[in-house]
Amino acid sequence: MEMISALWLEILVALLIMIGGIFMLVGSVALVKLPDFFTRLHGPTKSTTLGIGATLLASVIWFSVVDGELRVHELVISLFLFMTAPVSAYMLGKAALHRRRPTIASTQHPSVRENAEHQRAND
């Protein structure tokens, strides 16, 4: 591998790892700092998933070039992650709604809040 192409490969992989790290850090901070369950749910499911995806893409690029053949292990992991993260977030949200987890007033749409109060009154 030529020196210039190796340098560009290392720069690309380093950028992807840094982008992935930034997304994972933002997702982790959101998990800790946001005020209620429903807003906290977005941190790990959105930004952390993108961060892990960028890190896995860096791994695919690096090991495919270094070994000289396409490595698909990380692509399979990414596919599994991108398929299961939205489903698990949906299920967590539905369970929280079913258990009537408290929310802050700014996360509730007025019509949704009225419907929920009406439903609680009828239960």
PDB file of N, CA and C in Angstrom:
ATOM      1  N   MET A   1       0.850  -1.167   0.000  1.00  0.00           N
ATOM      2  CA  MET A   1       0.000   0.000   0.000  1.00  0.00           C
ATOM      3  C   MET A   1       0.901   1.237   0.000  1.00  0.00           C
ATOM      4  N   GLU A   2       0.576   2.188  -0.847  1.00  0.00           N
ATOM      5  CA  GLU A   2       1.387   3.397  -0.933  1.00  0.00           C
ATOM      6  C   GLU A   2       1.233   4.241   0.324  1.00  0.00           C
ATOM      7  N   MET A   3       2.230   5.086   0.538  1.00  0.00           N
ATOM      8  CA  MET A   3       2.245   5.921   1.731  1.00  0.00           C
ATOM      9  C   MET A   3       1.084   6.918   1.739  1.00  0.00           C
ATOM     10  N   ILE A   4       0.767   7.523   0.580  1.00  0.00           N
ATOM     11  CA  ILE A   4      -0.293   8.534   0.520  1.00  0.00           C
ATOM     12  C   ILE A   4      -1.652   7.880   0.728  1.00  0.00           C
ATOM     13  N   SER A   5      -1.899   6.748   0.087  1.00  0.00           N
ATOM     14  CA  SER A   5      -3.197   6.098   0.262  1.00  0.00           C
ATOM     15  C   SER A   5      -3.368   5.573   1.690  1.00  0.00           C
ATOM     16  N   ALA A   6      -2.269   5.135   2.313  1.00  0.00           N
ATOM     17  CA  ALA A   6      -2.347   4.689   3.702  1.00  0.00           C
ATOM     18  C   ALA A   6      -2.678   5.857   4.621  1.00  0.00           C
ATOM     19  N   LEU A   7      -2.125   7.032   4.326  1.00  0.00           N
ATOM     20  CA  LEU A   7      -2.417   8.214   5.132  1.00  0.00           C
ATOM     21  C   LEU A   7      -3.890   8.585   5.026  1.00  0.00           C
ATOM     22  N   TRP A   8      -4.448   8.573   3.799  1.00  0.00           N
ATOM     23  CA  TRP A   8      -5.861   8.914   3.618  1.00  0.00           C
ATOM     24  C   TRP A   8      -6.765   7.878   4.276  1.00  0.00           C
ATOM     25  N   LEU A   9      -6.361   6.611   4.221  1.00  0.00           N
ATOM     26  CA  LEU A   9      -7.130   5.564   4.885  1.00  0.00           C
ATOM     27  C   LEU A   9      -7.156   5.800   6.392  1.00  0.00           C
ATOM     28  N   GLU A  10      -6.009   6.105   6.967  1.00  0.00           N
ATOM     29  CA  GLU A  10      -5.939   6.357   8.401  1.00  0.00           C
ATOM     30  C   GLU A  10      -6.738   7.588   8.792  1.00  0.00           C
ATOM     31  N   ILE A  11      -6.713   8.632   7.959  1.00  0.00           N
ATOM     32  CA  ILE A  11      -7.493   9.838   8.246  1.00  0.00           C
ATOM     33  C   ILE A  11      -8.986   9.521   8.211  1.00  0.00           C
ATOM     34  N   LEU A  12      -9.418   8.785   7.196  1.00  0.00           N
ATOM     35  CA  LEU A  12     -10.830   8.422   7.078  1.00  0.00           C
ATOM     36  C   LEU A  12     -11.292   7.597   8.271  1.00  0.00           C
ATOM     37  N   VAL A  13     -10.522   6.593   8.631  1.00  0.00           N
ATOM     38  CA  VAL A  13     -10.885   5.726   9.753  1.00  0.00           C
ATOM     39  C   VAL A  13     -10.880   6.521  11.058  1.00  0.00           C
ATOM     40  N   ALA A  14      -9.895   7.387  11.235  1.00  0.00           N
ATOM     41  CA  ALA A  14      -9.844   8.209  12.451  1.00  0.00           C
ATOM     42  C   ALA A  14     -11.047   9.147  12.533  1.00  0.00           C
ATOM     43  N   LEU A  15     -11.442   9.749  11.411  1.00  0.00           N
ATOM     44  CA  LEU A  15     -12.616  10.627  11.403  1.00  0.00           C
ATOM     45  C   LEU A  15     -13.888   9.859  11.747  1.00  0.00           C
ATOM     46  N   LEU A  16     -14.040   8.680  11.172  1.00  0.00           N
ATOM     47  CA  LEU A  16     -15.225   7.875  11.481  1.00  0.00           C
ATOM     48  C   LEU A  16     -15.263   7.473  12.957  1.00  0.00           C
ATOM     49  N   ILE A  17     -14.119   7.134  13.505  1.00  0.00           N
ATOM     50  CA  ILE A  17     -14.072   6.767  14.926  1.00  0.00           C
ATOM     51  C   ILE A  17     -14.373   7.975  15.799  1.00  0.00           C
ATOM     52  N   MET A  18     -13.855   9.142  15.425  1.00  0.00           N
ATOM     53  CA  MET A  18     -14.135  10.355  16.206  1.00  0.00           C
ATOM     54  C   MET A  18     -15.610  10.728  16.106  1.00  0.00           C
ATOM     55  N   ILE A  19     -16.196  10.647  14.915  1.00  0.00           N
ATOM     56  CA  ILE A  19     -17.618  10.942  14.751  1.00  0.00           C
ATOM     57  C   ILE A  19     -18.452   9.959  15.572  1.00  0.00           C
ATOM     58  N   GLY A  20     -18.089   8.687  15.507  1.00  0.00           N
ATOM     59  CA  GLY A  20     -18.792   7.687  16.303  1.00  0.00           C
ATOM     60  C   GLY A  20     -18.683   7.957  17.791  1.00  0.00           C
ATOM     61  N   GLY A  21     -17.504   8.338  18.243  1.00  0.00           N
ATOM     62  CA  GLY A  21     -17.311   8.647  19.657  1.00  0.00           C
ATOM     63  C   GLY A  21     -18.122   9.852  20.099  1.00  0.00           C
ATOM     64  N   ILE A  22     -18.194  10.864  19.251  1.00  0.00           N
ATOM     65  CA  ILE A  22     -18.979  12.058  19.576  1.00  0.00           C
ATOM     66  C   ILE A  22     -20.461  11.712  19.672  1.00  0.00           C
ATOM     67  N   PHE A  23     -20.971  10.946  18.707  1.00  0.00           N
ATOM     68  CA  PHE A  23     -22.378  10.550  18.763  1.00  0.00           C
ATOM     69  C   PHE A  23     -22.672   9.707  20.009  1.00  0.00           C
ATOM     70  N   MET A  24     -21.771   8.775  20.341  1.00  0.00           N
ATOM     71  CA  MET A  24     -21.997   7.952  21.525  1.00  0.00           C
ATOM     72  C   MET A  24     -21.934   8.782  22.805  1.00  0.00           C
ATOM     73  N   LEU A  25     -21.033   9.763  22.852  1.00  0.00           N
ATOM     74  CA  LEU A  25     -20.951  10.636  24.021  1.00  0.00           C
ATOM     75  C   LEU A  25     -22.225  11.459  24.181  1.00  0.00           C
ATOM     76  N   VAL A  26     -22.719  12.026  23.078  1.00  0.00           N
ATOM     77  CA  VAL A  26     -23.956  12.812  23.131  1.00  0.00           C
ATOM     78  C   VAL A  26     -25.121  11.932  23.578  1.00  0.00           C
ATOM     79  N   GLY A  27     -25.211  10.729  23.059  1.00  0.00           N
ATOM     80  CA  GLY A  27     -26.277   9.815  23.474  1.00  0.00           C
ATOM     81  C   GLY A  27     -26.189   9.449  24.945  1.00  0.00           C
ATOM     82  N   SER A  28     -24.994   9.255  25.439  1.00  0.00           N
ATOM     83  CA  SER A  28     -24.817   8.912  26.851  1.00  0.00           C
ATOM     84  C   SER A  28     -25.157  10.087  27.758  1.00  0.00           C
ATOM     85  N   VAL A  29     -24.747  11.284  27.367  1.00  0.00           N
ATOM     86  CA  VAL A  29     -25.079  12.479  28.150  1.00  0.00           C
ATOM     87  C   VAL A  29     -26.588  12.707  28.144  1.00  0.00           C
ATOM     88  N   ALA A  30     -27.225  12.493  26.985  1.00  0.00           N
ATOM     89  CA  ALA A  30     -28.679  12.645  26.906  1.00  0.00           C
ATOM     90  C   ALA A  30     -29.385  11.660  27.826  1.00  0.00           C
ATOM     91  N   LEU A  31     -28.873  10.463  27.923  1.00  0.00           N
ATOM     92  CA  LEU A  31     -29.473   9.457  28.794  1.00  0.00           C
ATOM     93  C   LEU A  31     -29.445   9.908  30.250  1.00  0.00           C
ATOM     94  N   VAL A  32     -28.393  10.590  30.646  1.00  0.00           N
ATOM     95  CA  VAL A  32     -28.244  11.019  32.032  1.00  0.00           C
ATOM     96  C   VAL A  32     -28.957  12.343  32.303  1.00  0.00           C
ATOM     97  N   LYS A  33     -28.904  13.278  31.374  1.00  0.00           N
ATOM     98  CA  LYS A  33     -29.345  14.645  31.643  1.00  0.00           C
ATOM     99  C   LYS A  33     -30.804  14.948  31.329  1.00  0.00           C
ATOM    100  N   LEU A  34     -31.428  14.234  30.411  1.00  0.00           N
ATOM    101  CA  LEU A  34     -32.795  14.594  30.029  1.00  0.00           C
ATOM    102  C   LEU A  34     -33.775  14.281  31.160  1.00  0.00           C
ATOM    103  N   PRO A  35     -34.884  15.037  31.240  1.00  0.00           N
ATOM    104  CA  PRO A  35     -35.700  15.022  32.452  1.00  0.00           C
ATOM    105  C   PRO A  35     -36.649  13.835  32.649  1.00  0.00           C
ATOM    106  N   ASP A  36     -37.176  13.222  31.621  1.00  0.00           N
ATOM    107  CA  ASP A  36     -38.114  12.135  31.852  1.00  0.00           C
ATOM    108  C   ASP A  36     -37.807  10.945  30.946  1.00  0.00           C
ATOM    109  N   PHE A  37     -38.505   9.855  31.177  1.00  0.00           N
ATOM    110  CA  PHE A  37     -38.218   8.608  30.480  1.00  0.00           C
ATOM    111  C   PHE A  37     -38.322   8.751  28.964  1.00  0.00           C
ATOM    112  N   PHE A  38     -39.359   9.420  28.499  1.00  0.00           N
ATOM    113  CA  PHE A  38     -39.611   9.488  27.063  1.00  0.00           C
ATOM    114  C   PHE A  38     -38.555  10.323  26.335  1.00  0.00           C
ATOM    115  N   THR A  39     -38.077  11.389  26.956  1.00  0.00           N
ATOM    116  CA  THR A  39     -37.007  12.155  26.313  1.00  0.00           C
ATOM    117  C   THR A  39     -35.674  11.424  26.444  1.00  0.00           C
ATOM    118  N   ARG A  40     -35.471  10.723  27.557  1.00  0.00           N
ATOM    119  CA  ARG A  40     -34.240   9.943  27.730  1.00  0.00           C
ATOM    120  C   ARG A  40     -34.142   8.788  26.753  1.00  0.00           C
ATOM    121  N   LEU A  41     -35.265   8.327  26.271  1.00  0.00           N
ATOM    122  CA  LEU A  41     -35.285   7.196  25.345  1.00  0.00           C
ATOM    123  C   LEU A  41     -34.615   7.535  24.021  1.00  0.00           C
ATOM    124  N   HIS A  42     -34.611   8.800  23.634  1.00  0.00           N
ATOM    125  CA  HIS A  42     -34.040   9.192  22.345  1.00  0.00           C
ATOM    126  C   HIS A  42     -32.516   9.127  22.322  1.00  0.00           C
ATOM    127  N   GLY A  43     -31.860   9.376  23.447  1.00  0.00           N
ATOM    128  CA  GLY A  43     -30.403   9.371  23.483  1.00  0.00           C
ATOM    129  C   GLY A  43     -29.775   8.077  22.998  1.00  0.00           C
ATOM    130  N   PRO A  44     -30.086   6.965  23.654  1.00  0.00           N
ATOM    131  CA  PRO A  44     -29.469   5.712  23.223  1.00  0.00           C
ATOM    132  C   PRO A  44     -29.974   5.203  21.882  1.00  0.00           C
ATOM    133  N   THR A  45     -31.221   5.472  21.557  1.00  0.00           N
ATOM    134  CA  THR A  45     -31.759   4.883  20.335  1.00  0.00           C
ATOM    135  C   THR A  45     -31.395   5.657  19.086  1.00  0.00           C
ATOM    136  N   LYS A  46     -31.134   6.921  19.200  1.00  0.00           N
ATOM    137  CA  LYS A  46     -30.833   7.712  18.001  1.00  0.00           C
ATOM    138  C   LYS A  46     -29.327   7.916  17.848  1.00  0.00           C
ATOM    139  N   SER A  47     -28.765   8.722  18.732  1.00  0.00           N
ATOM    140  CA  SER A  47     -27.371   9.108  18.513  1.00  0.00           C
ATOM    141  C   SER A  47     -26.380   7.986  18.820  1.00  0.00           C
ATOM    142  N   THR A  48     -26.646   7.190  19.831  1.00  0.00           N
ATOM    143  CA  THR A  48     -25.714   6.114  20.138  1.00  0.00           C
ATOM    144  C   THR A  48     -25.711   5.065  19.029  1.00  0.00           C
ATOM    145  N   THR A  49     -26.858   4.811  18.429  1.00  0.00           N
ATOM    146  CA  THR A  49     -26.915   3.874  17.306  1.00  0.00           C
ATOM    147  C   THR A  49     -26.081   4.391  16.133  1.00  0.00           C
ATOM    148  N   LEU A  50     -26.194   5.685  15.846  1.00  0.00           N
ATOM    149  CA  LEU A  50     -25.375   6.262  14.776  1.00  0.00           C
ATOM    150  C   LEU A  50     -23.888   6.213  15.130  1.00  0.00           C
ATOM    151  N   GLY A  51     -23.563   6.422  16.394  1.00  0.00           N
ATOM    152  CA  GLY A  51     -22.165   6.353  16.810  1.00  0.00           C
ATOM    153  C   GLY A  51     -21.571   4.970  16.650  1.00  0.00           C
ATOM    154  N   ILE A  52     -22.323   3.975  17.051  1.00  0.00           N
ATOM    155  CA  ILE A  52     -21.837   2.606  16.882  1.00  0.00           C
ATOM    156  C   ILE A  52     -21.744   2.261  15.400  1.00  0.00           C
ATOM    157  N   GLY A  53     -22.700   2.748  14.608  1.00  0.00           N
ATOM    158  CA  GLY A  53     -22.653   2.516  13.160  1.00  0.00           C
ATOM    159  C   GLY A  53     -21.417   3.108  12.519  1.00  0.00           C
ATOM    160  N   ALA A  54     -21.042   4.343  12.909  1.00  0.00           N
ATOM    161  CA  ALA A  54     -19.838   4.974  12.359  1.00  0.00           C
ATOM    162  C   ALA A  54     -18.583   4.210  12.781  1.00  0.00           C
ATOM    163  N   THR A  55     -18.550   3.754  14.018  1.00  0.00           N
ATOM    164  CA  THR A  55     -17.397   2.994  14.499  1.00  0.00           C
ATOM    165  C   THR A  55     -17.275   1.658  13.761  1.00  0.00           C
ATOM    166  N   LEU A  56     -18.387   0.995  13.555  1.00  0.00           N
ATOM    167  CA  LEU A  56     -18.356  -0.273  12.815  1.00  0.00           C
ATOM    168  C   LEU A  56     -17.980  -0.063  11.352  1.00  0.00           C
ATOM    169  N   LEU A  57     -18.417   1.048  10.754  1.00  0.00           N
ATOM    170  CA  LEU A  57     -18.026   1.360   9.380  1.00  0.00           C
ATOM    171  C   LEU A  57     -16.513   1.592   9.284  1.00  0.00           C
ATOM    172  N   ALA A  58     -15.947   2.265  10.276  1.00  0.00           N
ATOM    173  CA  ALA A  58     -14.494   2.455  10.306  1.00  0.00           C
ATOM    174  C   ALA A  58     -13.784   1.101  10.384  1.00  0.00           C
ATOM    175  N   SER A  59     -14.326   0.205  11.177  1.00  0.00           N
ATOM    176  CA  SER A  59     -13.733  -1.126  11.298  1.00  0.00           C
ATOM    177  C   SER A  59     -13.819  -1.901   9.981  1.00  0.00           C
ATOM    178  N   VAL A  60     -14.954  -1.804   9.301  1.00  0.00           N
ATOM    179  CA  VAL A  60     -15.113  -2.477   8.003  1.00  0.00           C
ATOM    180  C   VAL A  60     -14.077  -1.961   7.016  1.00  0.00           C
ATOM    181  N   ILE A  61     -13.952  -0.652   6.923  1.00  0.00           N
ATOM    182  CA  ILE A  61     -13.004  -0.049   5.977  1.00  0.00           C
ATOM    183  C   ILE A  61     -11.579  -0.465   6.311  1.00  0.00           C
ATOM    184  N   TRP A  62     -11.193  -0.338   7.569  1.00  0.00           N
ATOM    185  CA  TRP A  62      -9.818  -0.630   7.961  1.00  0.00           C
ATOM    186  C   TRP A  62      -9.448  -2.089   7.684  1.00  0.00           C
ATOM    187  N   PHE A  63     -10.237  -3.012   8.198  1.00  0.00           N
ATOM    188  CA  PHE A  63      -9.870  -4.417   8.065  1.00  0.00           C
ATOM    189  C   PHE A  63     -10.054  -4.946   6.651  1.00  0.00           C
ATOM    190  N   SER A  64     -10.957  -4.363   5.887  1.00  0.00           N
ATOM    191  CA  SER A  64     -11.093  -4.772   4.488  1.00  0.00           C
ATOM    192  C   SER A  64      -9.872  -4.374   3.680  1.00  0.00           C
ATOM    193  N   VAL A  65      -9.350  -3.175   3.929  1.00  0.00           N
ATOM    194  CA  VAL A  65      -8.168  -2.716   3.194  1.00  0.00           C
ATOM    195  C   VAL A  65      -6.910  -3.440   3.674  1.00  0.00           C
ATOM    196  N   VAL A  66      -6.756  -3.573   4.976  1.00  0.00           N
ATOM    197  CA  VAL A  66      -5.550  -4.205   5.523  1.00  0.00           C
ATOM    198  C   VAL A  66      -5.476  -5.679   5.127  1.00  0.00           C
ATOM    199  N   ASP A  67      -6.599  -6.398   5.207  1.00  0.00           N
ATOM    200  CA  ASP A  67      -6.601  -7.820   4.870  1.00  0.00           C
ATOM    201  C   ASP A  67      -6.737  -8.083   3.382  1.00  0.00           C
ATOM    202  N   GLY A  68      -7.163  -7.084   2.620  1.00  0.00           N
ATOM    203  CA  GLY A  68      -7.296  -7.242   1.183  1.00  0.00           C
ATOM    204  C   GLY A  68      -8.554  -7.948   0.727  1.00  0.00           C
ATOM    205  N   GLU A  69      -9.483  -8.188   1.620  1.00  0.00           N
ATOM    206  CA  GLU A  69     -10.762  -8.794   1.256  1.00  0.00           C
ATOM    207  C   GLU A  69     -11.863  -8.156   2.095  1.00  0.00           C
ATOM    208  N   LEU A  70     -13.074  -8.176   1.568  1.00  0.00           N
ATOM    209  CA  LEU A  70     -14.199  -7.524   2.240  1.00  0.00           C
ATOM    210  C   LEU A  70     -14.568  -8.274   3.506  1.00  0.00           C
ATOM    211  N   ARG A  71     -14.654  -7.537   4.606  1.00  0.00           N
ATOM    212  CA  ARG A  71     -15.076  -8.092   5.892  1.00  0.00           C
ATOM    213  C   ARG A  71     -16.525  -7.694   6.135  1.00  0.00           C
ATOM    214  N   VAL A  72     -17.376  -8.657   6.318  1.00  0.00           N
ATOM    215  CA  VAL A  72     -18.787  -8.362   6.466  1.00  0.00           C
ATOM    216  C   VAL A  72     -19.311  -8.569   7.885  1.00  0.00           C
ATOM    217  N   HIS A  73     -18.473  -9.001   8.796  1.00  0.00           N
ATOM    218  CA  HIS A  73     -18.929  -9.229  10.167  1.00  0.00           C
ATOM    219  C   HIS A  73     -19.528  -7.955  10.762  1.00  0.00           C
ATOM    220  N   GLU A  74     -18.833  -6.842  10.590  1.00  0.00           N
ATOM    221  CA  GLU A  74     -19.310  -5.581  11.143  1.00  0.00           C
ATOM    222  C   GLU A  74     -20.566  -5.089  10.437  1.00  0.00           C
ATOM    223  N   LEU A  75     -20.680  -5.384   9.145  1.00  0.00           N
ATOM    224  CA  LEU A  75     -21.891  -4.995   8.414  1.00  0.00           C
ATOM    225  C   LEU A  75     -23.108  -5.756   8.926  1.00  0.00           C
ATOM    226  N   VAL A  76     -22.922  -7.022   9.253  1.00  0.00           N
ATOM    227  CA  VAL A  76     -24.013  -7.817   9.806  1.00  0.00           C
ATOM    228  C   VAL A  76     -24.408  -7.283  11.181  1.00  0.00           C
ATOM    229  N   ILE A  77     -23.417  -6.932  11.993  1.00  0.00           N
ATOM    230  CA  ILE A  77     -23.695  -6.352  13.308  1.00  0.00           C
ATOM    231  C   ILE A  77     -24.444  -5.033  13.145  1.00  0.00           C
ATOM    232  N   SER A  78     -24.020  -4.195  12.199  1.00  0.00           N
ATOM    233  CA  SER A  78     -24.693  -2.911  11.956  1.00  0.00           C
ATOM    234  C   SER A  78     -26.126  -3.124  11.499  1.00  0.00           C
ATOM    235  N   LEU A  79     -26.344  -4.053  10.607  1.00  0.00           N
ATOM    236  CA  LEU A  79     -27.689  -4.341  10.133  1.00  0.00           C
ATOM    237  C   LEU A  79     -28.581  -4.789  11.290  1.00  0.00           C
ATOM    238  N   PHE A  80     -28.073  -5.681  12.121  1.00  0.00           N
ATOM    239  CA  PHE A  80     -28.828  -6.140  13.290  1.00  0.00           C
ATOM    240  C   PHE A  80     -29.139  -4.980  14.226  1.00  0.00           C
ATOM    241  N   LEU A  81     -28.161  -4.119  14.458  1.00  0.00           N
ATOM    242  CA  LEU A  81     -28.343  -2.978  15.348  1.00  0.00           C
ATOM    243  C   LEU A  81     -29.382  -2.007  14.800  1.00  0.00           C
ATOM    244  N   PHE A  82     -29.291  -1.668  13.517  1.00  0.00           N
ATOM    245  CA  PHE A  82     -30.230  -0.719  12.930  1.00  0.00           C
ATOM    246  C   PHE A  82     -31.637  -1.297  12.805  1.00  0.00           C
ATOM    247  N   MET A  83     -31.762  -2.606  12.813  1.00  0.00           N
ATOM    248  CA  MET A  83     -33.093  -3.220  12.768  1.00  0.00           C
ATOM    249  C   MET A  83     -33.707  -3.339  14.160  1.00  0.00           C
ATOM    250  N   THR A  84     -32.897  -3.613  15.162  1.00  0.00           N
ATOM    251  CA  THR A  84     -33.446  -3.864  16.493  1.00  0.00           C
ATOM    252  C   THR A  84     -33.579  -2.624  17.357  1.00  0.00           C
ATOM    253  N   ALA A  85     -32.764  -1.604  17.155  1.00  0.00           N
ATOM    254  CA  ALA A  85     -32.836  -0.405  18.002  1.00  0.00           C
ATOM    255  C   ALA A  85     -34.188   0.301  17.906  1.00  0.00           C
ATOM    256  N   PRO A  86     -34.744   0.545  16.712  1.00  0.00           N
ATOM    257  CA  PRO A  86     -36.062   1.186  16.672  1.00  0.00           C
ATOM    258  C   PRO A  86     -37.177   0.319  17.270  1.00  0.00           C
ATOM    259  N   VAL A  87     -37.088  -0.979  17.066  1.00  0.00           N
ATOM    260  CA  VAL A  87     -38.114  -1.873  17.609  1.00  0.00           C
ATOM    261  C   VAL A  87     -38.051  -1.887  19.131  1.00  0.00           C
ATOM    262  N   SER A  88     -36.842  -1.960  19.675  1.00  0.00           N
ATOM    263  CA  SER A  88     -36.727  -1.966  21.139  1.00  0.00           C
ATOM    264  C   SER A  88     -37.153  -0.622  21.729  1.00  0.00           C
ATOM    265  N   ALA A  89     -36.851   0.485  21.061  1.00  0.00           N
ATOM    266  CA  ALA A  89     -37.297   1.797  21.547  1.00  0.00           C
ATOM    267  C   ALA A  89     -38.815   1.891  21.514  1.00  0.00           C
ATOM    268  N   TYR A  90     -39.422   1.378  20.455  1.00  0.00           N
ATOM    269  CA  TYR A  90     -40.881   1.375  20.354  1.00  0.00           C
ATOM    270  C   TYR A  90     -41.495   0.563  21.494  1.00  0.00           C
ATOM    271  N   MET A  91     -40.933  -0.611  21.738  1.00  0.00           N
ATOM    272  CA  MET A  91     -41.485  -1.461  22.794  1.00  0.00           C
ATOM    273  C   MET A  91     -41.295  -0.844  24.175  1.00  0.00           C
ATOM    274  N   LEU A  92     -40.160  -0.208  24.413  1.00  0.00           N
ATOM    275  CA  LEU A  92     -39.952   0.480  25.688  1.00  0.00           C
ATOM    276  C   LEU A  92     -40.939   1.625  25.856  1.00  0.00           C
ATOM    277  N   GLY A  93     -41.169   2.381  24.782  1.00  0.00           N
ATOM    278  CA  GLY A  93     -42.137   3.476  24.836  1.00  0.00           C
ATOM    279  C   GLY A  93     -43.544   2.983  25.094  1.00  0.00           C
ATOM    280  N   LYS A  94     -43.945   1.903  24.421  1.00  0.00           N
ATOM    281  CA  LYS A  94     -45.279   1.335  24.651  1.00  0.00           C
ATOM    282  C   LYS A  94     -45.426   0.823  26.082  1.00  0.00           C
ATOM    283  N   ALA A  95     -44.393   0.186  26.606  1.00  0.00           N
ATOM    284  CA  ALA A  95     -44.452  -0.302  27.983  1.00  0.00           C
ATOM    285  C   ALA A  95     -44.551   0.863  28.966  1.00  0.00           C
ATOM    286  N   ALA A  96     -43.827   1.940  28.685  1.00  0.00           N
ATOM    287  CA  ALA A  96     -43.890   3.112  29.560  1.00  0.00           C
ATOM    288  C   ALA A  96     -45.268   3.769  29.506  1.00  0.00           C
ATOM    289  N   LEU A  97     -45.875   3.808  28.317  1.00  0.00           N
ATOM    290  CA  LEU A  97     -47.236   4.337  28.216  1.00  0.00           C
ATOM    291  C   LEU A  97     -48.223   3.448  28.962  1.00  0.00           C
ATOM    292  N   HIS A  98     -48.058   2.151  28.826  1.00  0.00           N
ATOM    293  CA  HIS A  98     -48.933   1.210  29.506  1.00  0.00           C
ATOM    294  C   HIS A  98     -48.807   1.336  31.024  1.00  0.00           C
ATOM    295  N   ARG A  99     -47.597   1.545  31.496  1.00  0.00           N
ATOM    296  CA  ARG A  99     -47.353   1.690  32.939  1.00  0.00           C
ATOM    297  C   ARG A  99     -47.594   3.106  33.428  1.00  0.00           C
ATOM    298  N   ARG A 100     -47.968   3.983  32.483  1.00  0.00           N
ATOM    299  CA  ARG A 100     -48.285   5.393  32.790  1.00  0.00           C
ATOM    300  C   ARG A 100     -47.140   6.104  33.484  1.00  0.00           C
ATOM    301  N   ARG A 101     -45.974   6.008  32.860  1.00  0.00           N
ATOM    302  CA  ARG A 101     -44.802   6.721  33.376  1.00  0.00           C
ATOM    303  C   ARG A 101     -45.065   8.222  33.342  1.00  0.00           C
ATOM    304  N   PRO A 102     -44.645   8.949  34.355  1.00  0.00           N
ATOM    305  CA  PRO A 102     -44.875  10.396  34.365  1.00  0.00           C
ATOM    306  C   PRO A 102     -44.013  11.103  33.318  1.00  0.00           C
ATOM    307  N   THR A 103     -44.549  12.190  32.784  1.00  0.00           N
ATOM    308  CA  THR A 103     -43.813  13.003  31.822  1.00  0.00           C
ATOM    309  C   THR A 103     -43.802  14.441  32.299  1.00  0.00           C
ATOM    310  N   ILE A 104     -42.907  15.214  31.736  1.00  0.00           N
ATOM    311  CA  ILE A 104     -42.912  16.640  32.030  1.00  0.00           C
ATOM    312  C   ILE A 104     -43.916  17.304  31.094  1.00  0.00           C
ATOM    313  N   ALA A 105     -44.433  18.457  31.504  1.00  0.00           N
ATOM    314  CA  ALA A 105     -45.512  19.100  30.743  1.00  0.00           C
ATOM    315  C   ALA A 105     -45.079  19.493  29.337  1.00  0.00           C
ATOM    316  N   SER A 106     -43.827  19.852  29.145  1.00  0.00           N
ATOM    317  CA  SER A 106     -43.397  20.314  27.821  1.00  0.00           C
ATOM    318  C   SER A 106     -43.287  19.183  26.800  1.00  0.00           C
ATOM    319  N   THR A 107     -43.304  17.927  27.226  1.00  0.00           N
ATOM    320  CA  THR A 107     -43.239  16.826  26.265  1.00  0.00           C
ATOM    321  C   THR A 107     -44.610  16.311  25.877  1.00  0.00           C
ATOM    322  N   GLN A 108     -45.658  16.867  26.469  1.00  0.00           N
ATOM    323  CA  GLN A 108     -47.003  16.395  26.172  1.00  0.00           C
ATOM    324  C   GLN A 108     -47.703  17.358  25.229  1.00  0.00           C
ATOM    325  N   HIS A 109     -48.254  16.828  24.167  1.00  0.00           N
ATOM    326  CA  HIS A 109     -49.095  17.616  23.278  1.00  0.00           C
ATOM    327  C   HIS A 109     -50.448  17.781  23.978  1.00  0.00           C
ATOM    328  N   PRO A 110     -51.042  18.970  23.923  1.00  0.00           N
ATOM    329  CA  PRO A 110     -52.293  19.190  24.675  1.00  0.00           C
ATOM    330  C   PRO A 110     -53.402  18.184  24.365  1.00  0.00           C
ATOM    331  N   SER A 111     -53.595  17.832  23.096  1.00  0.00           N
ATOM    332  CA  SER A 111     -54.668  16.883  22.782  1.00  0.00           C
ATOM    333  C   SER A 111     -54.353  15.486  23.306  1.00  0.00           C
ATOM    334  N   VAL A 112     -53.093  15.109  23.279  1.00  0.00           N
ATOM    335  CA  VAL A 112     -52.707  13.805  23.812  1.00  0.00           C
ATOM    336  C   VAL A 112     -52.909  13.787  25.321  1.00  0.00           C
ATOM    337  N   ARG A 113     -52.550  14.876  25.984  1.00  0.00           N
ATOM    338  CA  ARG A 113     -52.724  14.964  27.435  1.00  0.00           C
ATOM    339  C   ARG A 113     -54.209  14.870  27.798  1.00  0.00           C
ATOM    340  N   GLU A 114     -55.078  15.560  27.044  1.00  0.00           N
ATOM    341  CA  GLU A 114     -56.514  15.495  27.316  1.00  0.00           C
ATOM    342  C   GLU A 114     -57.053  14.092  27.119  1.00  0.00           C
ATOM    343  N   ASN A 115     -56.627  13.423  26.057  1.00  0.00           N
ATOM    344  CA  ASN A 115     -57.066  12.040  25.822  1.00  0.00           C
ATOM    345  C   ASN A 115     -56.601  11.113  26.936  1.00  0.00           C
ATOM    346  N   ALA A 116     -55.372  11.298  27.397  1.00  0.00           N
ATOM    347  CA  ALA A 116     -54.850  10.457  28.476  1.00  0.00           C
ATOM    348  C   ALA A 116     -55.606  10.705  29.773  1.00  0.00           C
ATOM    349  N   GLU A 117     -55.910  11.969  30.061  1.00  0.00           N
ATOM    350  CA  GLU A 117     -56.663  12.277  31.280  1.00  0.00           C
ATOM    351  C   GLU A 117     -58.075  11.709  31.198  1.00  0.00           C
ATOM    352  N   HIS A 118     -58.676  11.790  30.016  1.00  0.00           N
ATOM    353  CA  HIS A 118     -60.019  11.233  29.825  1.00  0.00           C
ATOM    354  C   HIS A 118     -59.993   9.713  30.005  1.00  0.00           C
ATOM    355  N   GLN A 119     -58.970   9.067  29.449  1.00  0.00           N
ATOM    356  CA  GLN A 119     -58.855   7.619  29.575  1.00  0.00           C
ATOM    357  C   GLN A 119     -58.639   7.216  31.025  1.00  0.00           C
ATOM    358  N   ARG A 120     -57.806   7.957  31.761  1.00  0.00           N
ATOM    359  CA  ARG A 120     -57.566   7.653  33.168  1.00  0.00           C
ATOM    360  C   ARG A 120     -58.844   7.810  33.996  1.00  0.00           C
ATOM    361  N   ALA A 121     -59.651   8.813  33.640  1.00  0.00           N
ATOM    362  CA  ALA A 121     -60.898   9.037  34.359  1.00  0.00           C
ATOM    363  C   ALA A 121     -61.885   7.899  34.144  1.00  0.00           C
ATOM    364  N   ASN A 122     -61.823   7.285  32.957  1.00  0.00           N
ATOM    365  CA  ASN A 122     -62.736   6.174  32.647  1.00  0.00           C
ATOM    366  C   ASN A 122     -62.256   4.838  33.188  1.00  0.00           C
ATOM    367  N   ASP A 123     -61.008   4.729  33.587  1.00  0.00           N
ATOM    368  CA  ASP A 123     -60.464   3.457  34.085  1.00  0.00           C
ATOM    369  C   ASP A 123     -60.860   3.157  35.485  1.00  0.00           C
TER     370      ASP A 123
END
